[in-house]
């Protein structure tokens, strides 16, 4: 089973792609060794550095009168992966 959930494709993450850094949402229990192995296997690149961070889900309120029912989005974890210079991960190659 892969530790990668999905690539994060936002304006900020796409700006990092030009520098050889790619952002992924990963399982909360995943460690850097597992993430590195999965990315190298799946994309055929050499990973040089991984930074991980846990994200806290935002508080949300539902209802028309401002907060009758409150809840929270799910917590998560993301990884910013730096690949060897010259390697590229193409998210849109199979379209």
PDB file of N, CA and C in Angstrom:
ATOM      1  N   UNK A   1       0.837  -1.185   0.000  1.00  0.00           N
ATOM      2  CA  UNK A   1       0.000   0.000   0.000  1.00  0.00           C
ATOM      3  C   UNK A   1       0.882   1.248   0.000  1.00  0.00           C
ATOM      4  N   UNK A   2       0.531   2.206  -0.816  1.00  0.00           N
ATOM      5  CA  UNK A   2       1.318   3.421  -0.949  1.00  0.00           C
ATOM      6  C   UNK A   2       1.015   4.391   0.186  1.00  0.00           C
ATOM      7  N   UNK A   3       2.019   5.133   0.610  1.00  0.00           N
ATOM      8  CA  UNK A   3       1.824   6.146   1.640  1.00  0.00           C
ATOM      9  C   UNK A   3       1.364   7.466   1.028  1.00  0.00           C
ATOM     10  N   UNK A   4       1.448   7.595  -0.304  1.00  0.00           N
ATOM     11  CA  UNK A   4       1.050   8.822  -0.989  1.00  0.00           C
ATOM     12  C   UNK A   4      -0.447   8.816  -1.233  1.00  0.00           C
ATOM     13  N   UNK A   5      -1.115   9.930  -0.916  1.00  0.00           N
ATOM     14  CA  UNK A   5      -2.538  10.052  -1.203  1.00  0.00           C
ATOM     15  C   UNK A   5      -2.755  10.754  -2.546  1.00  0.00           C
ATOM     16  N   UNK A   6      -2.148  11.942  -2.689  1.00  0.00           N
ATOM     17  CA  UNK A   6      -2.321  12.705  -3.923  1.00  0.00           C
ATOM     18  C   UNK A   6      -1.284  13.813  -3.970  1.00  0.00           C
ATOM     19  N   UNK A   7      -0.946  14.276  -5.178  1.00  0.00           N
ATOM     20  CA  UNK A   7      -0.095  15.468  -5.257  1.00  0.00           C
ATOM     21  C   UNK A   7      -0.933  16.707  -4.936  1.00  0.00           C
ATOM     22  N   UNK A   8      -0.309  17.692  -4.340  1.00  0.00           N
ATOM     23  CA  UNK A   8      -0.987  18.951  -4.059  1.00  0.00           C
ATOM     24  C   UNK A   8      -0.633  19.916  -5.177  1.00  0.00           C
ATOM     25  N   UNK A   9      -1.655  20.350  -5.908  1.00  0.00           N
ATOM     26  CA  UNK A   9      -1.442  21.233  -7.055  1.00  0.00           C
ATOM     27  C   UNK A   9      -2.143  22.552  -6.768  1.00  0.00           C
ATOM     28  N   UNK A  10      -1.437  23.429  -6.075  1.00  0.00           N
ATOM     29  CA  UNK A  10      -1.918  24.774  -5.795  1.00  0.00           C
ATOM     30  C   UNK A  10      -0.942  25.759  -6.425  1.00  0.00           C
ATOM     31  N   UNK A  11      -1.277  27.018  -6.369  1.00  0.00           N
ATOM     32  CA  UNK A  11      -0.395  28.030  -6.954  1.00  0.00           C
ATOM     33  C   UNK A  11       0.973  28.042  -6.257  1.00  0.00           C
ATOM     34  N   UNK A  12       0.953  27.937  -4.950  1.00  0.00           N
ATOM     35  CA  UNK A  12       2.201  27.951  -4.193  1.00  0.00           C
ATOM     36  C   UNK A  12       3.024  26.693  -4.469  1.00  0.00           C
ATOM     37  N   UNK A  13       2.366  25.528  -4.493  1.00  0.00           N
ATOM     38  CA  UNK A  13       3.076  24.272  -4.742  1.00  0.00           C
ATOM     39  C   UNK A  13       3.617  24.222  -6.168  1.00  0.00           C
ATOM     40  N   UNK A  14       2.881  24.767  -7.126  1.00  0.00           N
ATOM     41  CA  UNK A  14       3.345  24.778  -8.512  1.00  0.00           C
ATOM     42  C   UNK A  14       4.568  25.675  -8.669  1.00  0.00           C
ATOM     43  N   UNK A  15       4.648  26.744  -7.895  1.00  0.00           N
ATOM     44  CA  UNK A  15       5.837  27.602  -7.913  1.00  0.00           C
ATOM     45  C   UNK A  15       7.073  26.862  -7.425  1.00  0.00           C
ATOM     46  N   UNK A  16       6.888  25.938  -6.473  1.00  0.00           N
ATOM     47  CA  UNK A  16       8.016  25.142  -5.981  1.00  0.00           C
ATOM     48  C   UNK A  16       8.488  24.125  -7.026  1.00  0.00           C
ATOM     49  N   UNK A  17       7.579  23.687  -7.913  1.00  0.00           N
ATOM     50  CA  UNK A  17       7.937  22.698  -8.934  1.00  0.00           C
ATOM     51  C   UNK A  17       9.076  23.196  -9.821  1.00  0.00           C
ATOM     52  N   UNK A  18       9.129  24.490 -10.058  1.00  0.00           N
ATOM     53  CA  UNK A  18      10.190  25.060 -10.891  1.00  0.00           C
ATOM     54  C   UNK A  18      11.557  24.932 -10.230  1.00  0.00           C
ATOM     55  N   UNK A  19      11.581  24.775  -8.908  1.00  0.00           N
ATOM     56  CA  UNK A  19      12.834  24.628  -8.162  1.00  0.00           C
ATOM     57  C   UNK A  19      13.158  23.170  -7.871  1.00  0.00           C
ATOM     58  N   UNK A  20      12.369  22.239  -8.442  1.00  0.00           N
ATOM     59  CA  UNK A  20      12.622  20.820  -8.213  1.00  0.00           C
ATOM     60  C   UNK A  20      12.029  20.289  -6.926  1.00  0.00           C
ATOM     61  N   UNK A  21      11.031  20.997  -6.389  1.00  0.00           N
ATOM     62  CA  UNK A  21      10.378  20.572  -5.145  1.00  0.00           C
ATOM     63  C   UNK A  21       8.908  20.292  -5.446  1.00  0.00           C
ATOM     64  N   UNK A  22       8.413  19.167  -4.944  1.00  0.00           N
ATOM     65  CA  UNK A  22       7.052  18.729  -5.217  1.00  0.00           C
ATOM     66  C   UNK A  22       6.346  18.442  -3.897  1.00  0.00           C
ATOM     67  N   UNK A  23       5.052  18.759  -3.838  1.00  0.00           N
ATOM     68  CA  UNK A  23       4.286  18.634  -2.607  1.00  0.00           C
ATOM     69  C   UNK A  23       3.253  17.523  -2.752  1.00  0.00           C
ATOM     70  N   UNK A  24       3.175  16.654  -1.741  1.00  0.00           N
ATOM     71  CA  UNK A  24       2.236  15.534  -1.744  1.00  0.00           C
ATOM     72  C   UNK A  24       1.487  15.484  -0.421  1.00  0.00           C
ATOM     73  N   UNK A  25       0.228  15.071  -0.487  1.00  0.00           N
ATOM     74  CA  UNK A  25      -0.495  14.714   0.727  1.00  0.00           C
ATOM     75  C   UNK A  25      -0.182  13.254   0.993  1.00  0.00           C
ATOM     76  N   UNK A  26       0.186  12.928   2.232  1.00  0.00           N
ATOM     77  CA  UNK A  26       0.607  11.569   2.574  1.00  0.00           C
ATOM     78  C   UNK A  26      -0.189  11.066   3.777  1.00  0.00           C
ATOM     79  N   UNK A  27      -0.092   9.775   4.031  1.00  0.00           N
ATOM     80  CA  UNK A  27      -0.734   9.185   5.201  1.00  0.00           C
ATOM     81  C   UNK A  27      -0.128   9.794   6.469  1.00  0.00           C
ATOM     82  N   UNK A  28      -0.940   9.944   7.507  1.00  0.00           N
ATOM     83  CA  UNK A  28      -0.456  10.562   8.750  1.00  0.00           C
ATOM     84  C   UNK A  28       0.593   9.703   9.444  1.00  0.00           C
ATOM     85  N   UNK A  29       0.577   8.395   9.189  1.00  0.00           N
ATOM     86  CA  UNK A  29       1.531   7.499   9.852  1.00  0.00           C
ATOM     87  C   UNK A  29       2.803   7.301   9.044  1.00  0.00           C
ATOM     88  N   UNK A  30       2.902   7.904   7.854  1.00  0.00           N
ATOM     89  CA  UNK A  30       4.054   7.700   6.979  1.00  0.00           C
ATOM     90  C   UNK A  30       5.288   8.417   7.520  1.00  0.00           C
ATOM     91  N   UNK A  31       6.460   7.773   7.357  1.00  0.00           N
ATOM     92  CA  UNK A  31       7.710   8.438   7.725  1.00  0.00           C
ATOM     93  C   UNK A  31       8.479   8.776   6.447  1.00  0.00           C
ATOM     94  N   UNK A  32       9.601   9.482   6.603  1.00  0.00           N
ATOM     95  CA  UNK A  32      10.346   9.968   5.442  1.00  0.00           C
ATOM     96  C   UNK A  32      10.927   8.835   4.602  1.00  0.00           C
ATOM     97  N   UNK A  33      11.336   7.750   5.237  1.00  0.00           N
ATOM     98  CA  UNK A  33      11.912   6.622   4.499  1.00  0.00           C
ATOM     99  C   UNK A  33      10.852   5.992   3.591  1.00  0.00           C
ATOM    100  N   UNK A  34       9.635   5.807   4.113  1.00  0.00           N
ATOM    101  CA  UNK A  34       8.558   5.232   3.316  1.00  0.00           C
ATOM    102  C   UNK A  34       8.165   6.158   2.166  1.00  0.00           C
ATOM    103  N   UNK A  35       8.093   7.453   2.441  1.00  0.00           N
ATOM    104  CA  UNK A  35       7.719   8.422   1.414  1.00  0.00           C
ATOM    105  C   UNK A  35       8.764   8.430   0.300  1.00  0.00           C
ATOM    106  N   UNK A  36      10.039   8.444   0.660  1.00  0.00           N
ATOM    107  CA  UNK A  36      11.118   8.448  -0.329  1.00  0.00           C
ATOM    108  C   UNK A  36      11.048   7.205  -1.208  1.00  0.00           C
ATOM    109  N   UNK A  37      10.852   6.038  -0.607  1.00  0.00           N
ATOM    110  CA  UNK A  37      10.782   4.787  -1.362  1.00  0.00           C
ATOM    111  C   UNK A  37       9.610   4.804  -2.340  1.00  0.00           C
ATOM    112  N   UNK A  38       8.446   5.263  -1.889  1.00  0.00           N
ATOM    113  CA  UNK A  38       7.268   5.296  -2.755  1.00  0.00           C
ATOM    114  C   UNK A  38       7.438   6.258  -3.926  1.00  0.00           C
ATOM    115  N   UNK A  39       7.997   7.432  -3.690  1.00  0.00           N
ATOM    116  CA  UNK A  39       8.164   8.410  -4.770  1.00  0.00           C
ATOM    117  C   UNK A  39       9.193   7.927  -5.778  1.00  0.00           C
ATOM    118  N   UNK A  40      10.306   7.372  -5.305  1.00  0.00           N
ATOM    119  CA  UNK A  40      11.320   6.868  -6.233  1.00  0.00           C
ATOM    120  C   UNK A  40      10.783   5.713  -7.070  1.00  0.00           C
ATOM    121  N   UNK A  41       9.966   4.845  -6.474  1.00  0.00           N
ATOM    122  CA  UNK A  41       9.395   3.720  -7.207  1.00  0.00           C
ATOM    123  C   UNK A  41       8.339   4.181  -8.206  1.00  0.00           C
ATOM    124  N   UNK A  42       7.454   5.060  -7.767  1.00  0.00           N
ATOM    125  CA  UNK A  42       6.321   5.469  -8.594  1.00  0.00           C
ATOM    126  C   UNK A  42       6.726   6.391  -9.742  1.00  0.00           C
ATOM    127  N   UNK A  43       7.626   7.334  -9.481  1.00  0.00           N
ATOM    128  CA  UNK A  43       7.963   8.349 -10.486  1.00  0.00           C
ATOM    129  C   UNK A  43       9.332   8.151 -11.128  1.00  0.00           C
ATOM    130  N   UNK A  44      10.157   7.249 -10.627  1.00  0.00           N
ATOM    131  CA  UNK A  44      11.465   6.989 -11.226  1.00  0.00           C
ATOM    132  C   UNK A  44      12.435   8.148 -11.111  1.00  0.00           C
ATOM    133  N   UNK A  45      12.425   8.849  -9.982  1.00  0.00           N
ATOM    134  CA  UNK A  45      13.339   9.965  -9.755  1.00  0.00           C
ATOM    135  C   UNK A  45      14.179   9.667  -8.518  1.00  0.00           C
ATOM    136  N   UNK A  46      15.225  10.469  -8.301  1.00  0.00           N
ATOM    137  CA  UNK A  46      16.057  10.335  -7.113  1.00  0.00           C
ATOM    138  C   UNK A  46      15.709  11.449  -6.140  1.00  0.00           C
ATOM    139  N   UNK A  47      15.278  11.077  -4.945  1.00  0.00           N
ATOM    140  CA  UNK A  47      14.893  12.048  -3.915  1.00  0.00           C
ATOM    141  C   UNK A  47      16.129  12.419  -3.106  1.00  0.00           C
ATOM    142  N   UNK A  48      16.360  13.730  -2.939  1.00  0.00           N
ATOM    143  CA  UNK A  48      17.512  14.187  -2.173  1.00  0.00           C
ATOM    144  C   UNK A  48      17.135  14.698  -0.788  1.00  0.00           C
ATOM    145  N   UNK A  49      15.897  15.204  -0.632  1.00  0.00           N
ATOM    146  CA  UNK A  49      15.493  15.764   0.654  1.00  0.00           C
ATOM    147  C   UNK A  49      13.982  15.685   0.791  1.00  0.00           C
ATOM    148  N   UNK A  50      13.510  15.471   2.031  1.00  0.00           N
ATOM    149  CA  UNK A  50      12.074  15.447   2.304  1.00  0.00           C
ATOM    150  C   UNK A  50      11.811  16.262   3.564  1.00  0.00           C
ATOM    151  N   UNK A  51      10.837  17.163   3.482  1.00  0.00           N
ATOM    152  CA  UNK A  51      10.350  17.901   4.641  1.00  0.00           C
ATOM    153  C   UNK A  51       8.885  17.514   4.831  1.00  0.00           C
ATOM    154  N   UNK A  52       8.532  17.097   6.048  1.00  0.00           N
ATOM    155  CA  UNK A  52       7.145  16.736   6.320  1.00  0.00           C
ATOM    156  C   UNK A  52       6.564  17.684   7.352  1.00  0.00           C
ATOM    157  N   UNK A  53       5.252  17.837   7.291  1.00  0.00           N
ATOM    158  CA  UNK A  53       4.559  18.659   8.276  1.00  0.00           C
ATOM    159  C   UNK A  53       3.145  18.143   8.470  1.00  0.00           C
ATOM    160  N   UNK A  54       2.693  18.212   9.714  1.00  0.00           N
ATOM    161  CA  UNK A  54       1.320  17.830  10.023  1.00  0.00           C
ATOM    162  C   UNK A  54       0.454  19.067   9.900  1.00  0.00           C
ATOM    163  N   UNK A  55      -0.714  18.899   9.301  1.00  0.00           N
ATOM    164  CA  UNK A  55      -1.629  20.014   9.122  1.00  0.00           C
ATOM    165  C   UNK A  55      -2.847  19.797  10.012  1.00  0.00           C
ATOM    166  N   UNK A  56      -3.337  20.858  10.585  1.00  0.00           N
ATOM    167  CA  UNK A  56      -4.484  20.810  11.468  1.00  0.00           C
ATOM    168  C   UNK A  56      -5.722  21.228  10.671  1.00  0.00           C
ATOM    169  N   UNK A  57      -6.796  20.448  10.788  1.00  0.00           N
ATOM    170  CA  UNK A  57      -8.024  20.748  10.059  1.00  0.00           C
ATOM    171  C   UNK A  57      -8.674  22.031  10.567  1.00  0.00           C
ATOM    172  N   UNK A  58      -9.249  22.786   9.647  1.00  0.00           N
ATOM    173  CA  UNK A  58      -9.893  24.044   9.999  1.00  0.00           C
ATOM    174  C   UNK A  58     -11.217  23.799  10.727  1.00  0.00           C
ATOM    175  N   UNK A  59     -11.571  24.711  11.617  1.00  0.00           N
ATOM    176  CA  UNK A  59     -12.883  24.687  12.242  1.00  0.00           C
ATOM    177  C   UNK A  59     -13.897  25.217  11.231  1.00  0.00           C
ATOM    178  N   UNK A  60     -15.045  24.568  11.159  1.00  0.00           N
ATOM    179  CA  UNK A  60     -16.090  24.979  10.234  1.00  0.00           C
ATOM    180  C   UNK A  60     -17.404  25.092  10.985  1.00  0.00           C
ATOM    181  N   UNK A  61     -18.216  26.053  10.600  1.00  0.00           N
ATOM    182  CA  UNK A  61     -19.548  26.169  11.188  1.00  0.00           C
ATOM    183  C   UNK A  61     -20.572  25.972  10.086  1.00  0.00           C
ATOM    184  N   UNK A  62     -21.670  25.347  10.432  1.00  0.00           N
ATOM    185  CA  UNK A  62     -22.739  25.088   9.475  1.00  0.00           C
ATOM    186  C   UNK A  62     -23.997  25.737  10.003  1.00  0.00           C
ATOM    187  N   UNK A  63     -24.857  26.151   9.134  1.00  0.00           N
ATOM    188  CA  UNK A  63     -26.104  26.777   9.554  1.00  0.00           C
ATOM    189  C   UNK A  63     -26.172  28.206   9.074  1.00  0.00           C
ATOM    190  N   UNK A  64     -27.347  28.719   9.039  1.00  0.00           N
ATOM    191  CA  UNK A  64     -27.550  30.056   8.496  1.00  0.00           C
ATOM    192  C   UNK A  64     -27.338  31.146   9.529  1.00  0.00           C
ATOM    193  N   UNK A  65     -27.366  30.812  10.792  1.00  0.00           N
ATOM    194  CA  UNK A  65     -27.256  31.848  11.823  1.00  0.00           C
ATOM    195  C   UNK A  65     -25.869  31.891  12.445  1.00  0.00           C
ATOM    196  N   UNK A  66     -24.874  31.496  11.710  1.00  0.00           N
ATOM    197  CA  UNK A  66     -23.500  31.671  12.157  1.00  0.00           C
ATOM    198  C   UNK A  66     -23.069  30.768  13.278  1.00  0.00           C
ATOM    199  N   UNK A  67     -22.929  29.513  13.016  1.00  0.00           N
ATOM    200  CA  UNK A  67     -22.307  28.633  13.984  1.00  0.00           C
ATOM    201  C   UNK A  67     -23.246  27.827  14.847  1.00  0.00           C
ATOM    202  N   UNK A  68     -24.377  27.446  14.324  1.00  0.00           N
ATOM    203  CA  UNK A  68     -25.275  26.596  15.106  1.00  0.00           C
ATOM    204  C   UNK A  68     -24.656  25.228  15.330  1.00  0.00           C
ATOM    205  N   UNK A  69     -24.055  24.689  14.303  1.00  0.00           N
ATOM    206  CA  UNK A  69     -23.391  23.390  14.388  1.00  0.00           C
ATOM    207  C   UNK A  69     -21.947  23.602  13.981  1.00  0.00           C
ATOM    208  N   UNK A  70     -21.009  23.221  14.818  1.00  0.00           N
ATOM    209  CA  UNK A  70     -19.606  23.398  14.470  1.00  0.00           C
ATOM    210  C   UNK A  70     -18.950  22.043  14.281  1.00  0.00           C
ATOM    211  N   UNK A  71     -17.931  22.026  13.481  1.00  0.00           N
ATOM    212  CA  UNK A  71     -17.185  20.805  13.232  1.00  0.00           C
ATOM    213  C   UNK A  71     -15.785  21.145  12.793  1.00  0.00           C
ATOM    214  N   UNK A  72     -15.055  20.138  12.440  1.00  0.00           N
ATOM    215  CA  UNK A  72     -13.665  20.334  12.052  1.00  0.00           C
ATOM    216  C   UNK A  72     -13.358  19.467  10.842  1.00  0.00           C
ATOM    217  N   UNK A  73     -12.605  20.030   9.911  1.00  0.00           N
ATOM    218  CA  UNK A  73     -12.102  19.228   8.798  1.00  0.00           C
ATOM    219  C   UNK A  73     -11.034  18.282   9.317  1.00  0.00           C
ATOM    220  N   UNK A  74     -10.755  17.253   8.535  1.00  0.00           N
ATOM    221  CA  UNK A  74      -9.811  16.226   8.968  1.00  0.00           C
ATOM    222  C   UNK A  74      -8.382  16.777   9.058  1.00  0.00           C
ATOM    223  N   UNK A  75      -7.623  16.279  10.022  1.00  0.00           N
ATOM    224  CA  UNK A  75      -6.200  16.586  10.117  1.00  0.00           C
ATOM    225  C   UNK A  75      -5.474  15.813   9.017  1.00  0.00           C
ATOM    226  N   UNK A  76      -4.264  16.210   8.694  1.00  0.00           N
ATOM    227  CA  UNK A  76      -3.529  15.526   7.644  1.00  0.00           C
ATOM    228  C   UNK A  76      -2.034  15.695   7.795  1.00  0.00           C
ATOM    229  N   UNK A  77      -1.326  15.277   6.764  1.00  0.00           N
ATOM    230  CA  UNK A  77       0.127  15.399   6.730  1.00  0.00           C
ATOM    231  C   UNK A  77       0.534  15.630   5.293  1.00  0.00           C
ATOM    232  N   UNK A  78       1.520  16.486   5.073  1.00  0.00           N
ATOM    233  CA  UNK A  78       2.025  16.683   3.720  1.00  0.00           C
ATOM    234  C   UNK A  78       3.542  16.641   3.721  1.00  0.00           C
ATOM    235  N   UNK A  79       4.076  16.322   2.552  1.00  0.00           N
ATOM    236  CA  UNK A  79       5.516  16.196   2.389  1.00  0.00           C
ATOM    237  C   UNK A  79       5.949  17.053   1.207  1.00  0.00           C
ATOM    238  N   UNK A  80       7.023  17.819   1.409  1.00  0.00           N
ATOM    239  CA  UNK A  80       7.647  18.567   0.316  1.00  0.00           C
ATOM    240  C   UNK A  80       8.929  17.826  -0.030  1.00  0.00           C
ATOM    241  N   UNK A  81       8.986  17.343  -1.260  1.00  0.00           N
ATOM    242  CA  UNK A  81      10.063  16.455  -1.701  1.00  0.00           C
ATOM    243  C   UNK A  81      10.955  17.200  -2.685  1.00  0.00           C
ATOM    244  N   UNK A  82      12.256  17.169  -2.443  1.00  0.00           N
ATOM    245  CA  UNK A  82      13.226  17.742  -3.370  1.00  0.00           C
ATOM    246  C   UNK A  82      13.867  16.601  -4.146  1.00  0.00           C
ATOM    247  N   UNK A  83      13.866  16.722  -5.479  1.00  0.00           N
ATOM    248  CA  UNK A  83      14.460  15.677  -6.315  1.00  0.00           C
ATOM    249  C   UNK A  83      15.800  16.159  -6.859  1.00  0.00           C
ATOM    250  N   UNK A  84      16.591  15.194  -7.333  1.00  0.00           N
ATOM    251  CA  UNK A  84      17.914  15.504  -7.876  1.00  0.00           C
ATOM    252  C   UNK A  84      17.786  16.459  -9.060  1.00  0.00           C
ATOM    253  N   UNK A  85      18.746  17.355  -9.181  1.00  0.00           N
ATOM    254  CA  UNK A  85      18.723  18.328 -10.269  1.00  0.00           C
ATOM    255  C   UNK A  85      18.688  17.612 -11.611  1.00  0.00           C
ATOM    256  N   UNK A  86      17.744  18.000 -12.445  1.00  0.00           N
ATOM    257  CA  UNK A  86      17.571  17.370 -13.741  1.00  0.00           C
ATOM    258  C   UNK A  86      16.401  16.384 -13.772  1.00  0.00           C
ATOM    259  N   UNK A  87      15.992  15.866 -12.608  1.00  0.00           N
ATOM    260  CA  UNK A  87      14.830  14.977 -12.535  1.00  0.00           C
ATOM    261  C   UNK A  87      13.551  15.807 -12.481  1.00  0.00           C
ATOM    262  N   UNK A  88      12.499  15.296 -13.113  1.00  0.00           N
ATOM    263  CA  UNK A  88      11.229  15.993 -13.160  1.00  0.00           C
ATOM    264  C   UNK A  88      10.103  15.011 -12.892  1.00  0.00           C
ATOM    265  N   UNK A  89       9.127  15.414 -12.101  1.00  0.00           N
ATOM    266  CA  UNK A  89       7.906  14.627 -11.904  1.00  0.00           C
ATOM    267  C   UNK A  89       6.821  15.301 -12.721  1.00  0.00           C
ATOM    268  N   UNK A  90       6.225  14.551 -13.658  1.00  0.00           N
ATOM    269  CA  UNK A  90       5.188  15.090 -14.532  1.00  0.00           C
ATOM    270  C   UNK A  90       3.834  14.563 -14.075  1.00  0.00           C
ATOM    271  N   UNK A  91       3.046  15.401 -13.404  1.00  0.00           N
ATOM    272  CA  UNK A  91       1.740  14.986 -12.908  1.00  0.00           C
ATOM    273  C   UNK A  91       0.733  14.829 -14.029  1.00  0.00           C
ATOM    274  N   UNK A  92       0.925  15.540 -15.134  1.00  0.00           N
ATOM    275  CA  UNK A  92      -0.064  15.568 -16.203  1.00  0.00           C
ATOM    276  C   UNK A  92       0.337  14.741 -17.416  1.00  0.00           C
ATOM    277  N   UNK A  93       1.322  13.878 -17.291  1.00  0.00           N
ATOM    278  CA  UNK A  93       1.837  13.120 -18.426  1.00  0.00           C
ATOM    279  C   UNK A  93       0.864  12.132 -19.027  1.00  0.00           C
ATOM    280  N   UNK A  94      -0.112  11.632 -18.251  1.00  0.00           N
ATOM    281  CA  UNK A  94      -1.025  10.609 -18.743  1.00  0.00           C
ATOM    282  C   UNK A  94      -2.350  11.162 -19.217  1.00  0.00           C
ATOM    283  N   UNK A  95      -2.460  12.472 -19.382  1.00  0.00           N
ATOM    284  CA  UNK A  95      -3.726  13.063 -19.815  1.00  0.00           C
ATOM    285  C   UNK A  95      -3.910  12.941 -21.301  1.00  0.00           C
TER     286      UNK A  95
END
